[in-house]
Amino acid sequence: MGFVDVIAPPLALARCETLIMAFGQSAGPAASHRQVAELLELLQNAGHADFKDARGPMGFNQRQAAGRFTADEAQALIDQLQQAEYEADQQAQANGSSEQKQEPEQTEGAPKRTGMTDEERAEMERAVRSASTKSLVLEVRRRGWIVTKPK
């Protein structure tokens, strides 16, 4: 039996070739630490505590919920979240500019009016005081501010 007799014809090989990959393994190089950190920061800005918290809303699988992404997956998610932030900022600026046009101009000596009644302001202050520190920090970060712990 010669070497040629043992090798299967090319057509038979083409039908049997499949990629064998262990369950839960990613297809591609792992994301860099910088990409994972940037992705986590963007998720936190969007109101999620961590990858596990974002699993349902973002459609992450179990591997991704554990913070393991391929470089391509991480870049696609970073692009998606940055685009969402940009669109939210544009919407806020558009809403802000239309609100500014609707408000009457203030004289220098007059107190600034926010358009809220005293009852609405009191209700808002109660809601802010009753909110957890974590949720307040996440909301402020979502709005583009930087938050640090007091010393």
Protein backbone atom coordinates (compact mmCIF):
# COMPACT_ATOMS: atom_id res chain seq x y z
CA MET A 1 0.00 0.00 0.00
CA GLY A 2 1.54 3.23 -1.11
CA PHE A 3 1.29 6.76 0.25
CA VAL A 4 -1.17 7.74 -2.47
CA ASP A 5 -3.61 4.96 -1.51
CA VAL A 6 -3.99 6.25 2.10
CA ILE A 7 -4.87 9.87 1.30
CA ALA A 8 -8.57 10.51 0.68
CA PRO A 9 -9.61 12.33 -2.46
CA PRO A 10 -9.87 16.17 -2.11
CA LEU A 11 -13.65 16.15 -2.51
CA ALA A 12 -14.08 13.82 0.48
CA LEU A 13 -11.89 16.11 2.61
CA ALA A 14 -13.88 19.18 1.62
CA ARG A 15 -17.12 17.61 2.84
CA CYS A 16 -15.70 16.53 6.21
CA GLU A 17 -13.76 19.65 7.16
CA THR A 18 -15.30 21.58 10.03
CA LEU A 19 -13.82 23.92 12.54
CA ILE A 20 -13.50 22.20 15.86
CA MET A 21 -13.73 24.60 18.78
CA ALA A 22 -14.39 23.93 22.44
CA PHE A 23 -17.71 25.15 23.84
CA GLY A 24 -17.58 28.75 25.04
CA GLN A 25 -14.38 29.61 23.22
CA SER A 26 -14.15 32.80 21.21
CA ALA A 27 -13.31 32.87 17.54
CA GLY A 28 -10.51 35.38 17.27
CA PRO A 29 -7.83 37.09 19.31
CA ALA A 30 -8.78 38.31 22.76
CA ALA A 31 -9.58 41.98 23.32
CA SER A 32 -6.84 44.07 24.88
CA HIS A 33 -7.10 45.24 28.47
CA ARG A 34 -7.54 48.79 27.14
CA GLN A 35 -10.52 47.73 25.02
CA VAL A 36 -12.16 45.88 27.91
CA ALA A 37 -11.62 48.84 30.25
CA GLU A 38 -13.03 51.27 27.69
CA LEU A 39 -16.00 49.01 27.08
CA LEU A 40 -16.69 48.75 30.82
CA GLU A 41 -16.51 52.54 31.18
CA LEU A 42 -18.96 53.02 28.29
CA LEU A 43 -21.33 50.45 29.79
CA GLN A 44 -21.18 52.24 33.14
CA ASN A 45 -21.89 55.55 31.41
CA ALA A 46 -24.93 53.88 29.85
CA GLY A 47 -26.21 52.97 33.32
CA HIS A 48 -24.97 49.40 33.77
CA ALA A 49 -22.96 48.38 36.82
CA ASP A 50 -20.81 45.78 35.04
CA PHE A 51 -20.79 43.22 32.23
CA LYS A 52 -23.15 40.86 34.07
CA ASP A 53 -25.63 43.67 34.66
CA ALA A 54 -25.56 44.50 30.94
CA ARG A 55 -25.97 40.88 29.81
CA GLY A 56 -29.71 40.98 29.13
CA PRO A 57 -30.06 44.50 27.71
CA MET A 58 -26.94 44.21 25.55
CA GLY A 59 -27.53 40.59 24.52
CA PHE A 60 -24.21 39.32 25.89
CA ASN A 61 -23.59 35.60 26.07
CA GLN A 62 -22.14 33.98 29.19
CA ARG A 63 -18.53 34.46 28.06
CA GLN A 64 -19.09 38.14 27.36
CA ALA A 65 -20.93 38.64 30.67
CA ALA A 66 -17.73 37.43 32.33
CA GLY A 67 -15.81 40.21 30.57
CA ARG A 68 -14.17 38.08 27.87
CA PHE A 69 -14.46 39.48 24.36
CA THR A 70 -12.66 39.07 21.09
CA ALA A 71 -10.95 42.17 19.76
CA ASP A 72 -13.58 42.48 16.99
CA GLU A 73 -16.50 42.06 19.42
CA ALA A 74 -15.09 44.65 21.79
CA GLN A 75 -14.45 47.17 19.02
CA ALA A 76 -17.94 46.71 17.58
CA LEU A 77 -19.52 47.23 21.02
CA ILE A 78 -17.31 50.26 21.73
CA ASP A 79 -18.36 51.79 18.40
CA GLN A 80 -22.03 51.04 19.12
CA LEU A 81 -21.92 52.58 22.61
CA GLN A 82 -19.97 55.63 21.46
CA GLN A 83 -22.50 56.19 18.69
CA ALA A 84 -25.35 55.92 21.21
CA GLU A 85 -23.61 58.45 23.50
CA TYR A 86 -23.05 60.82 20.58
CA GLU A 87 -26.69 60.60 19.51
CA ALA A 88 -27.87 61.16 23.10
CA ASP A 89 -25.61 64.22 23.37
CA GLN A 90 -26.93 65.59 20.07
CA GLN A 91 -30.51 65.01 21.23
CA ALA A 92 -29.80 66.72 24.58
CA GLN A 93 -28.20 69.68 22.83
CA ALA A 94 -31.14 69.96 20.45
CA ASN A 95 -33.59 69.81 23.36
CA GLY A 96 -31.48 72.26 25.36
CA SER A 97 -31.32 74.79 22.54
CA SER A 98 -35.07 74.60 21.92
CA GLU A 99 -35.74 75.06 25.67
CA GLN A 100 -33.43 78.07 25.76
CA LYS A 101 -35.35 79.66 22.89
CA GLN A 102 -38.68 79.13 24.67
CA GLU A 103 -37.60 80.62 28.02
CA PRO A 104 -38.08 84.38 28.39
CA GLU A 105 -34.93 86.38 28.91
CA GLN A 106 -34.03 87.18 32.51
CA THR A 107 -33.02 90.57 33.79
CA GLU A 108 -29.79 90.66 35.79
CA GLY A 109 -31.46 91.40 39.15
CA ALA A 110 -34.25 88.82 38.81
CA PRO A 111 -33.80 85.31 40.25
CA LYS A 112 -33.35 82.57 37.67
CA ARG A 113 -36.54 80.52 37.11
CA THR A 114 -36.28 76.84 36.25
CA GLY A 115 -39.91 76.35 35.35
CA MET A 116 -40.49 74.00 38.31
CA THR A 117 -43.06 74.61 40.97
CA ASP A 118 -42.04 74.37 44.62
CA GLU A 119 -43.88 71.04 44.93
CA GLU A 120 -42.08 69.61 41.89
CA ARG A 121 -38.73 70.79 43.23
CA ALA A 122 -39.43 69.25 46.66
CA GLU A 123 -40.47 65.96 45.04
CA MET A 124 -37.29 65.90 42.94
CA GLU A 125 -35.12 66.60 46.00
CA ARG A 126 -36.82 63.74 47.91
CA ALA A 127 -36.17 61.38 44.99
CA VAL A 128 -32.49 62.38 44.82
CA ARG A 129 -32.04 61.99 48.57
CA SER A 130 -33.67 58.54 48.56
CA ALA A 131 -31.60 57.27 45.59
CA SER A 132 -28.54 55.13 46.27
CA THR A 133 -25.09 56.62 45.84
CA LYS A 134 -24.30 54.06 43.15
CA SER A 135 -27.33 54.98 41.05
CA LEU A 136 -26.58 58.70 41.41
CA VAL A 137 -22.96 58.16 40.33
CA LEU A 138 -24.05 56.10 37.33
CA GLU A 139 -26.56 58.76 36.26
CA VAL A 140 -24.02 61.57 36.60
CA ARG A 141 -21.46 59.56 34.60
CA ARG A 142 -24.09 58.84 31.95
CA ARG A 143 -24.47 62.60 31.58
CA GLY A 144 -20.75 62.98 30.90
CA TRP A 145 -19.43 64.07 34.29
CA ILE A 146 -16.44 62.62 36.11
CA VAL A 147 -17.16 61.38 39.63
CA THR A 148 -14.56 60.71 42.33
CA LYS A 149 -14.87 59.62 45.95
CA PRO A 150 -14.47 62.36 48.55
CA LYS A 151 -11.31 62.28 50.61
